[in-house]
Amino acid sequence: MTQEEWLDEIERFVRHLKRNTPLAANSVEAYRNHLRRIVSFAGGLTKTCAIKFSQGAEKQWAIKTVSGAVDCYNKYVEWARRPKDKVRHITLSVPPSFEHVPSRGDVERLVAYMRENGAGVREVTLVRFLAATGARISEVLRVTVGDVRRGVSEQIGKGRKLRRVLIPKSLASEIAAGPLAENAGDRWPLFRRHAFDGRRFARRGGVGITARWACKTLHDWAGRAGLDSQAFHPHAFRHFFAKEALKSSGNDVSLVCDLLGHADIKTTSKYLKLTQAEQRQGLDRIADWI
């Protein structure tokens, strides 16, 4: 097959993903881009091409990108009924890094700054909600007003498994009594794009915010507050929650694993690893022998 024919083959696979899988549009686009990388680098989507890509593409792309492309290729050959053409998954051995995770003081400073400088209730509540639940941004976008009133959001989450996002009672009560829930139906998204206009939301139930909007909002407000903007993105709050929950619970890994919705407790255990700043503080505290 020529390169153009391989690109057409990719588009047929993409149409299959759109019609027959629950993948989000961004995920489908990622499959398209990854497979195109393999074709552009190795000339096709055969097993030989995939091996060539996995062994040589690290010079051009990050190892995580190469690994993702190989996984997409394996999904493609399953669809193409060529299971023998699968190649070995590339295991990432890069240790997790939590150097760019906001501290408790940083989060409190950001919330205070936002309140003092005209941020809306929606923006402030988003920061507090992320910090208090440890939910993924995709899960936060699916939280409804009714979920807040019940104190829990039950969703089909990662891996098509039931995911329960528990909301602390104090925060849930405050939100339920505030403007985000006022005059809102149980099925309305908690975080909506526009202010209630008395008619549109009554008919449509509100239009939810996007992950991109959430990222930009956190980044912009952190920068304005003089904080490290790299540490303020939605998933960083998941790391923040994990570390703070472990500290407050006396390192109860089992509890925090359940709260985060991790399938494997080993995933939660990685948050026990100290950052460089925490290591420095610990050393300064215990090094009393000099």
Foldseek 3Di string as FASTA:
>chain_A
DFLVVQLVLLVVVLVCCVPPHPDDPVVSVLLSVLLNVLCVVQNHLFLVSLVVCLVPVCVPDPNVSNLVSLVSSCVSCVVVVNNVSRDDRDDDPDADALPLFDAPVLLVLLLVLCVVPPHDPLLSLVSVQLLQQLEFVVQLQQQFLLCLVVQWDWDLDPPRHTAIGGHDPVSSVVLCPDQLNPPADRRARSAADDHDPPPPCVVVVGHTDDQVVSLVSQLVSCVVSVHDSSNTHSNSSSLNNLLVVCVVVVNPLVVSCNSNVPPDSVVSVSSVDDHPVVVVVVCVVPPPPD
